[in-house]
Structures are given as C-alpha cells and as structure tokens.
Amino acid sequence: MERLVWTAREVVDVDGPRAMLRAYLEQRDIREFCASVSLTARIEAACDVGCGFGRLTPVLTEFAERVVGFEREAGLLTVAQSLQPSIEFRAVQTLSSLPADDASFAFALVFTVLQHIPEPEVHTVIAELQRLLAPGGHLLLCEETDATLEAGDRANAQLGYTCGRSVSTYEAWLTPWRLVATKRRMIEPDYPRPDVGTYMLFAGPTSSLRPSA
C-alpha cells in the first residue's frame, strides 16, 4: 500500500535557528516531566515510541538505566543509530505490535504520534502502549489537542493525516490510567498556529490486572 515516507523534514517542519530553539524547548519540558516522575518512582527502563531520528530520546537516558527507541522508517532509524550508537533503537512494522515483552518499561514517551493515527487504529496502539508499561508506570504523551484541527483524508491516513483531540478524549481512552499532569506545548513563538498541542502525563494502575474487553 502506498504511504507517506517520513523524513526529517516531516518530523521537524522548520530548520536552522527555529529548529534549534524548538529542540531546546521540547527537551526542557520532557526533562521536567521525567524529573517529576523520578522523584517518586525509579525509572529502570524507558522507551520512545515513534522516535524518528531520536531527537528527544537522549533526554530519557538522563533518567532511565535502559532506553529503547521504536521507529518504523528505515531512513530515520539509520540516522538515530548512527548518531546515538549507545542507545538501542528497534525497527518496527507497525506501532500496534511492538517488539517488547509485557511490562518491559517504567516510562514511555510518545511525541506527536497518535495525532496521525485515525480511529479505530489509534485504540489498538494505545492498548499496545499500556501492554508495554509495568504496573504503576508512566506514559507521557504530547499530541495536538485542538479538536477542530483535522488535516488530510482520514480514510487514507497513510498518505499523511493529523487530527487534534481534546485532553479529555485521551483521558477517557486511557482509563484506568490517571491523568496526573498537563502542560501546553511551547515551540518557537512565530509559528503560524498558536496552539501546537499539550503534554499529558498518565500514571498507570499499580495492579497488573487489565480490564476485560
């Protein structure tokens, strides 16, 4: 099936000084969330799901003993592996089936990934994320949360699609996980849209029992 092949340009739609400022602001905010989690819970292993060329993955190494990045695009994966050989990057065919055991990670980062996946596929990906995380683990999402935003053809999302969803929508979808913190995503101030998404930190239930389907 024909699909959009993501390159660095799709991952970051600016370059030069703007890209450098955006990277700083995003890494700063992710570091803040990781630090808040590490105050109360040890992060033995963390993963970056849909990590692209690994631009945000290094922040996780500051807090976790082991870090894994999952990426579908071979070109982006090659860049990530060549620039950060000390981090384990794994190739995936689909985010709905990730090559890792149940409860493998204490922390997962998913950065502007779910917003490109339409229903009902997004629910399968969310269930897979919950499978990967250990009881009491944390999931940090950063996604478009302007519910009026929809770009591309939902029926042909593989060609390029973006959908904003409210924080309350993600909160409902992730139940019984609890939303414990949010923060507005900040990037370069001259970006054409003022609302570019929200960070959402979820804490998982301490029991390993999963709700019945």
C-alpha atoms as a PDB file:
ATOM      1  CA  MET A   1       0.000   0.000   0.000  1.00  0.00           C
ATOM      2  CA  GLU A   2       1.267   3.437  -0.916  1.00  0.00           C
ATOM      3  CA  ARG A   3       2.066   5.603   2.092  1.00  0.00           C
ATOM      4  CA  LEU A   4       3.905   8.730   3.128  1.00  0.00           C
ATOM      5  CA  VAL A   5       7.554   8.023   3.899  1.00  0.00           C
ATOM      6  CA  TRP A   6       8.526  10.231   6.814  1.00  0.00           C
ATOM      7  CA  THR A   7      11.801  12.086   6.570  1.00  0.00           C
ATOM      8  CA  ALA A   8      13.471  14.530   8.944  1.00  0.00           C
ATOM      9  CA  ARG A   9      11.510  17.325   7.258  1.00  0.00           C
ATOM     10  CA  GLU A  10       8.178  15.774   8.244  1.00  0.00           C
ATOM     11  CA  VAL A  11       9.427  15.184  11.784  1.00  0.00           C
ATOM     12  CA  VAL A  12      10.533  18.816  12.217  1.00  0.00           C
ATOM     13  CA  ASP A  13       8.947  21.267   9.781  1.00  0.00           C
ATOM     14  CA  VAL A  14      11.459  24.050  10.451  1.00  0.00           C
ATOM     15  CA  ASP A  15      15.235  24.234  10.277  1.00  0.00           C
ATOM     16  CA  GLY A  16      18.153  26.370  11.366  1.00  0.00           C
ATOM     17  CA  PRO A  17      17.658  28.611  14.433  1.00  0.00           C
ATOM     18  CA  ARG A  18      13.961  27.733  14.751  1.00  0.00           C
ATOM     19  CA  ALA A  19      14.687  24.020  14.863  1.00  0.00           C
ATOM     20  CA  MET A  20      17.389  24.549  17.477  1.00  0.00           C
ATOM     21  CA  LEU A  21      15.067  26.597  19.693  1.00  0.00           C
ATOM     22  CA  ARG A  22      12.239  24.071  19.294  1.00  0.00           C
ATOM     23  CA  ALA A  23      14.527  21.189  20.251  1.00  0.00           C
ATOM     24  CA  TYR A  24      15.632  23.036  23.378  1.00  0.00           C
ATOM     25  CA  LEU A  25      12.072  23.854  24.467  1.00  0.00           C
ATOM     26  CA  GLU A  26      10.817  20.324  23.864  1.00  0.00           C
ATOM     27  CA  GLN A  27      13.748  18.657  25.593  1.00  0.00           C
ATOM     28  CA  ARG A  28      13.386  21.054  28.519  1.00  0.00           C
ATOM     29  CA  ASP A  29       9.735  20.151  29.002  1.00  0.00           C
ATOM     30  CA  ILE A  30      10.273  16.401  28.660  1.00  0.00           C
ATOM     31  CA  ARG A  31      13.121  16.638  31.171  1.00  0.00           C
ATOM     32  CA  GLU A  32      10.771  18.401  33.581  1.00  0.00           C
ATOM     33  CA  PHE A  33       8.201  15.600  33.370  1.00  0.00           C
ATOM     34  CA  CYS A  34      10.834  12.867  33.692  1.00  0.00           C
ATOM     35  CA  ALA A  35      12.282  14.577  36.737  1.00  0.00           C
ATOM     36  CA  SER A  36       8.865  14.762  38.388  1.00  0.00           C
ATOM     37  CA  VAL A  37       8.354  11.022  37.870  1.00  0.00           C
ATOM     38  CA  SER A  38      11.818  10.088  39.113  1.00  0.00           C
ATOM     39  CA  LEU A  39      11.150  11.860  42.404  1.00  0.00           C
ATOM     40  CA  THR A  40       8.671   9.152  43.402  1.00  0.00           C
ATOM     41  CA  ALA A  41       9.418   6.178  41.140  1.00  0.00           C
ATOM     42  CA  ARG A  42      12.592   4.594  39.838  1.00  0.00           C
ATOM     43  CA  ILE A  43      12.782   4.517  36.038  1.00  0.00           C
ATOM     44  CA  GLU A  44      14.698   1.345  35.247  1.00  0.00           C
ATOM     45  CA  ALA A  45      13.730   1.265  31.584  1.00  0.00           C
ATOM     46  CA  ALA A  46      12.148   3.837  29.275  1.00  0.00           C
ATOM     47  CA  CYS A  47      11.089   3.838  25.646  1.00  0.00           C
ATOM     48  CA  ASP A  48      10.462   6.427  22.946  1.00  0.00           C
ATOM     49  CA  VAL A  49       7.691   5.124  20.671  1.00  0.00           C
ATOM     50  CA  GLY A  50       7.794   6.569  17.170  1.00  0.00           C
ATOM     51  CA  CYS A  51      11.154   8.131  17.984  1.00  0.00           C
ATOM     52  CA  GLY A  52      12.030   9.311  14.462  1.00  0.00           C
ATOM     53  CA  PHE A  53      15.712  10.134  14.232  1.00  0.00           C
ATOM     54  CA  GLY A  54      15.951  10.183  18.017  1.00  0.00           C
ATOM     55  CA  ARG A  55      15.860  13.918  18.597  1.00  0.00           C
ATOM     56  CA  LEU A  56      14.158  13.559  22.005  1.00  0.00           C
ATOM     57  CA  THR A  57      15.362  10.095  23.017  1.00  0.00           C
ATOM     58  CA  PRO A  58      18.584  11.307  24.724  1.00  0.00           C
ATOM     59  CA  VAL A  59      16.568  13.045  27.442  1.00  0.00           C
ATOM     60  CA  LEU A  60      15.310   9.650  28.603  1.00  0.00           C
ATOM     61  CA  THR A  61      18.894   8.455  29.145  1.00  0.00           C
ATOM     62  CA  GLU A  62      19.284  11.105  31.836  1.00  0.00           C
ATOM     63  CA  PHE A  63      16.693   9.315  33.985  1.00  0.00           C
ATOM     64  CA  ALA A  64      16.499   5.664  32.905  1.00  0.00           C
ATOM     65  CA  GLU A  65      19.087   2.922  33.181  1.00  0.00           C
ATOM     66  CA  ARG A  66      17.985   1.442  29.834  1.00  0.00           C
ATOM     67  CA  VAL A  67      16.388   3.252  26.899  1.00  0.00           C
ATOM     68  CA  VAL A  68      14.870   1.834  23.705  1.00  0.00           C
ATOM     69  CA  GLY A  69      13.607   3.782  20.708  1.00  0.00           C
ATOM     70  CA  PHE A  70      10.995   2.243  18.391  1.00  0.00           C
ATOM     71  CA  GLU A  71      10.757   3.508  14.804  1.00  0.00           C
ATOM     72  CA  ARG A  72       9.158   2.360  11.555  1.00  0.00           C
ATOM     73  CA  GLU A  73      11.001   4.483   8.984  1.00  0.00           C
ATOM     74  CA  ALA A  74      14.276   2.844   7.948  1.00  0.00           C
ATOM     75  CA  GLY A  75      15.873   6.146   6.952  1.00  0.00           C
ATOM     76  CA  LEU A  76      15.138   7.803  10.281  1.00  0.00           C
ATOM     77  CA  LEU A  77      16.250   4.696  12.157  1.00  0.00           C
ATOM     78  CA  THR A  78      19.601   4.718  10.356  1.00  0.00           C
ATOM     79  CA  VAL A  79      20.212   8.313  11.378  1.00  0.00           C
ATOM     80  CA  ALA A  80      19.257   7.601  15.000  1.00  0.00           C
ATOM     81  CA  GLN A  81      21.548   4.580  15.192  1.00  0.00           C
ATOM     82  CA  SER A  82      24.498   6.364  13.616  1.00  0.00           C
ATOM     83  CA  LEU A  83      24.239   9.481  15.786  1.00  0.00           C
ATOM     84  CA  GLN A  84      23.434   7.709  19.053  1.00  0.00           C
ATOM     85  CA  PRO A  85      25.094   4.269  18.994  1.00  0.00           C
ATOM     86  CA  SER A  86      24.858   3.906  22.780  1.00  0.00           C
ATOM     87  CA  ILE A  87      21.038   3.820  22.606  1.00  0.00           C
ATOM     88  CA  GLU A  88      19.139   0.766  21.428  1.00  0.00           C
ATOM     89  CA  PHE A  89      16.840   1.511  18.503  1.00  0.00           C
ATOM     90  CA  ARG A  90      14.464  -1.178  17.250  1.00  0.00           C
ATOM     91  CA  ALA A  91      12.756  -1.324  13.867  1.00  0.00           C
ATOM     92  CA  VAL A  92       9.001  -1.885  13.878  1.00  0.00           C
ATOM     93  CA  GLN A  93       6.498  -2.650  11.160  1.00  0.00           C
ATOM     94  CA  THR A  94       3.578  -1.107  12.993  1.00  0.00           C
ATOM     95  CA  LEU A  95       3.039   0.662  16.314  1.00  0.00           C
ATOM     96  CA  SER A  96       0.195  -1.731  17.072  1.00  0.00           C
ATOM     97  CA  SER A  97       2.714  -4.562  17.553  1.00  0.00           C
ATOM     98  CA  LEU A  98       5.953  -3.521  19.242  1.00  0.00           C
ATOM     99  CA  PRO A  99       8.875  -5.935  19.730  1.00  0.00           C
ATOM    100  CA  ALA A 100       8.997  -5.942  23.538  1.00  0.00           C
ATOM    101  CA  ASP A 101       7.638  -8.081  26.357  1.00  0.00           C
ATOM    102  CA  ASP A 102       4.711  -7.129  28.537  1.00  0.00           C
ATOM    103  CA  ALA A 103       5.552  -4.632  31.306  1.00  0.00           C
ATOM    104  CA  SER A 104       9.033  -4.023  29.865  1.00  0.00           C
ATOM    105  CA  PHE A 105       9.195  -0.318  30.658  1.00  0.00           C
ATOM    106  CA  ALA A 106       8.509   2.013  33.556  1.00  0.00           C
ATOM    107  CA  PHE A 107       8.183   5.089  31.340  1.00  0.00           C
ATOM    108  CA  ALA A 108       7.141   5.685  27.737  1.00  0.00           C
ATOM    109  CA  LEU A 109       7.336   8.823  25.633  1.00  0.00           C
ATOM    110  CA  VAL A 110       5.000   9.223  22.662  1.00  0.00           C
ATOM    111  CA  PHE A 111       5.596  12.542  20.939  1.00  0.00           C
ATOM    112  CA  THR A 112       3.188  13.742  18.228  1.00  0.00           C
ATOM    113  CA  VAL A 113       2.468  10.209  17.049  1.00  0.00           C
ATOM    114  CA  LEU A 114      -1.119   9.368  17.983  1.00  0.00           C
ATOM    115  CA  GLN A 115      -2.368  12.524  16.281  1.00  0.00           C
ATOM    116  CA  HIS A 116      -1.501  10.937  12.932  1.00  0.00           C
ATOM    117  CA  ILE A 117      -3.462   7.725  13.583  1.00  0.00           C
ATOM    118  CA  PRO A 118      -7.244   7.704  12.979  1.00  0.00           C
ATOM    119  CA  GLU A 119      -9.850   5.703  14.858  1.00  0.00           C
ATOM    120  CA  PRO A 120     -10.173   2.809  15.362  1.00  0.00           C
ATOM    121  CA  GLU A 121      -6.453   2.060  14.807  1.00  0.00           C
ATOM    122  CA  VAL A 122      -5.396   4.529  17.488  1.00  0.00           C
ATOM    123  CA  HIS A 123      -7.131   2.433  20.145  1.00  0.00           C
ATOM    124  CA  THR A 124      -5.015  -0.582  19.192  1.00  0.00           C
ATOM    125  CA  VAL A 125      -1.844   1.491  19.541  1.00  0.00           C
ATOM    126  CA  ILE A 126      -2.944   2.803  22.939  1.00  0.00           C
ATOM    127  CA  ALA A 127      -3.611  -0.756  24.124  1.00  0.00           C
ATOM    128  CA  GLU A 128      -0.125  -1.728  22.954  1.00  0.00           C
ATOM    129  CA  LEU A 129       1.414   1.148  24.896  1.00  0.00           C
ATOM    130  CA  GLN A 130      -0.425   0.048  28.020  1.00  0.00           C
ATOM    131  CA  ARG A 131       0.829  -3.504  27.479  1.00  0.00           C
ATOM    132  CA  LEU A 132       4.453  -2.369  27.384  1.00  0.00           C
ATOM    133  CA  LEU A 133       4.300  -0.443  30.638  1.00  0.00           C
ATOM    134  CA  ALA A 134       4.814  -2.000  34.034  1.00  0.00           C
ATOM    135  CA  PRO A 135       2.238  -1.609  36.821  1.00  0.00           C
ATOM    136  CA  GLY A 136       2.492   1.917  38.197  1.00  0.00           C
ATOM    137  CA  GLY A 137       4.398   3.071  35.102  1.00  0.00           C
ATOM    138  CA  HIS A 138       4.071   6.436  33.416  1.00  0.00           C
ATOM    139  CA  LEU A 139       3.147   7.449  29.886  1.00  0.00           C
ATOM    140  CA  LEU A 140       3.983  10.918  28.578  1.00  0.00           C
ATOM    141  CA  LEU A 141       2.010  11.951  25.506  1.00  0.00           C
ATOM    142  CA  CYS A 142       2.438  15.142  23.522  1.00  0.00           C
ATOM    143  CA  GLU A 143      -0.278  15.497  20.915  1.00  0.00           C
ATOM    144  CA  GLU A 144      -2.402  18.036  19.083  1.00  0.00           C
ATOM    145  CA  THR A 145      -5.338  18.817  21.380  1.00  0.00           C
ATOM    146  CA  ASP A 146      -7.267  21.353  19.284  1.00  0.00           C
ATOM    147  CA  ALA A 147     -10.346  19.255  18.478  1.00  0.00           C
ATOM    148  CA  THR A 148     -11.133  21.474  15.465  1.00  0.00           C
ATOM    149  CA  LEU A 149      -7.877  20.518  13.743  1.00  0.00           C
ATOM    150  CA  GLU A 150      -8.046  17.875  11.031  1.00  0.00           C
ATOM    151  CA  ALA A 151      -5.698  17.781   8.053  1.00  0.00           C
ATOM    152  CA  GLY A 152      -5.613  15.106   5.391  1.00  0.00           C
ATOM    153  CA  ASP A 153      -8.011  12.316   4.485  1.00  0.00           C
ATOM    154  CA  ARG A 154      -8.969  10.121   7.443  1.00  0.00           C
ATOM    155  CA  ALA A 155      -9.764   7.236   5.079  1.00  0.00           C
ATOM    156  CA  ASN A 156      -6.249   7.445   3.615  1.00  0.00           C
ATOM    157  CA  ALA A 157      -4.301   8.378   6.720  1.00  0.00           C
ATOM    158  CA  GLN A 158      -1.243   6.512   5.463  1.00  0.00           C
ATOM    159  CA  LEU A 159      -0.748   9.342   2.954  1.00  0.00           C
ATOM    160  CA  GLY A 160      -0.499  11.945   5.705  1.00  0.00           C
ATOM    161  CA  TYR A 161      -3.090  12.813   8.327  1.00  0.00           C
ATOM    162  CA  THR A 162      -3.276  14.890  11.513  1.00  0.00           C
ATOM    163  CA  CYS A 163      -6.180  15.008  13.947  1.00  0.00           C
ATOM    164  CA  GLY A 164      -6.485  17.115  17.093  1.00  0.00           C
ATOM    165  CA  ARG A 165      -8.232  15.502  20.066  1.00  0.00           C
ATOM    166  CA  SER A 166      -9.095  17.045  23.399  1.00  0.00           C
ATOM    167  CA  VAL A 167      -7.235  16.176  26.584  1.00  0.00           C
ATOM    168  CA  SER A 168     -10.476  14.719  27.940  1.00  0.00           C
ATOM    169  CA  THR A 169     -10.643  12.372  24.945  1.00  0.00           C
ATOM    170  CA  TYR A 170      -7.211  10.933  25.685  1.00  0.00           C
ATOM    171  CA  GLU A 171      -8.111  10.755  29.364  1.00  0.00           C
ATOM    172  CA  ALA A 172     -11.196   8.680  28.560  1.00  0.00           C
ATOM    173  CA  TRP A 173      -9.331   6.432  26.131  1.00  0.00           C
ATOM    174  CA  LEU A 174      -6.550   5.671  28.602  1.00  0.00           C
ATOM    175  CA  THR A 175      -8.814   4.710  31.523  1.00  0.00           C
ATOM    176  CA  PRO A 176      -7.980   3.213  34.051  1.00  0.00           C
ATOM    177  CA  TRP A 177      -4.755   5.191  33.702  1.00  0.00           C
ATOM    178  CA  ARG A 178      -4.897   8.533  35.533  1.00  0.00           C
ATOM    179  CA  LEU A 179      -4.026  11.902  34.034  1.00  0.00           C
ATOM    180  CA  VAL A 180      -1.688  13.406  36.620  1.00  0.00           C
ATOM    181  CA  ALA A 181      -0.239  16.472  34.848  1.00  0.00           C
ATOM    182  CA  THR A 182      -0.598  18.563  31.704  1.00  0.00           C
ATOM    183  CA  LYS A 183       1.363  21.395  30.144  1.00  0.00           C
ATOM    184  CA  ARG A 184       0.900  23.381  26.986  1.00  0.00           C
ATOM    185  CA  ARG A 185       3.498  22.546  24.353  1.00  0.00           C
ATOM    186  CA  MET A 186       5.685  25.529  23.563  1.00  0.00           C
ATOM    187  CA  ILE A 187       7.739  25.940  20.386  1.00  0.00           C
ATOM    188  CA  GLU A 188       9.143  28.935  18.527  1.00  0.00           C
ATOM    189  CA  PRO A 189       6.844  31.963  19.067  1.00  0.00           C
ATOM    190  CA  ASP A 190       6.446  32.878  15.388  1.00  0.00           C
ATOM    191  CA  TYR A 191       4.929  29.520  14.395  1.00  0.00           C
ATOM    192  CA  PRO A 192       1.726  30.076  12.335  1.00  0.00           C
ATOM    193  CA  ARG A 193      -0.566  28.320  14.819  1.00  0.00           C
ATOM    194  CA  PRO A 194      -0.620  29.418  18.481  1.00  0.00           C
ATOM    195  CA  ASP A 195      -1.960  26.073  19.747  1.00  0.00           C
ATOM    196  CA  VAL A 196       0.509  23.274  18.940  1.00  0.00           C
ATOM    197  CA  GLY A 197      -0.582  20.678  21.451  1.00  0.00           C
ATOM    198  CA  THR A 198      -0.405  19.562  25.039  1.00  0.00           C
ATOM    199  CA  TYR A 199       1.835  17.371  27.153  1.00  0.00           C
ATOM    200  CA  MET A 200      -0.187  14.795  29.103  1.00  0.00           C
ATOM    201  CA  LEU A 201       1.384  12.631  31.804  1.00  0.00           C
ATOM    202  CA  PHE A 202      -0.526   9.486  32.741  1.00  0.00           C
ATOM    203  CA  ALA A 203       0.133   7.138  35.650  1.00  0.00           C
ATOM    204  CA  GLY A 204      -0.815   3.504  35.331  1.00  0.00           C
ATOM    205  CA  PRO A 205      -2.635   1.375  37.896  1.00  0.00           C
ATOM    206  CA  THR A 206      -0.393  -0.438  40.351  1.00  0.00           C
ATOM    207  CA  SER A 207      -2.117  -3.766  39.710  1.00  0.00           C
ATOM    208  CA  SER A 208      -1.040  -5.801  36.696  1.00  0.00           C
ATOM    209  CA  LEU A 209      -4.642  -6.884  36.138  1.00  0.00           C
ATOM    210  CA  ARG A 210      -6.127  -5.466  32.965  1.00  0.00           C
ATOM    211  CA  PRO A 211      -9.776  -4.598  32.415  1.00  0.00           C
ATOM    212  CA  SER A 212     -11.774  -7.169  30.478  1.00  0.00           C
ATOM    213  CA  ALA A 213     -12.682  -6.328  26.901  1.00  0.00           C
END
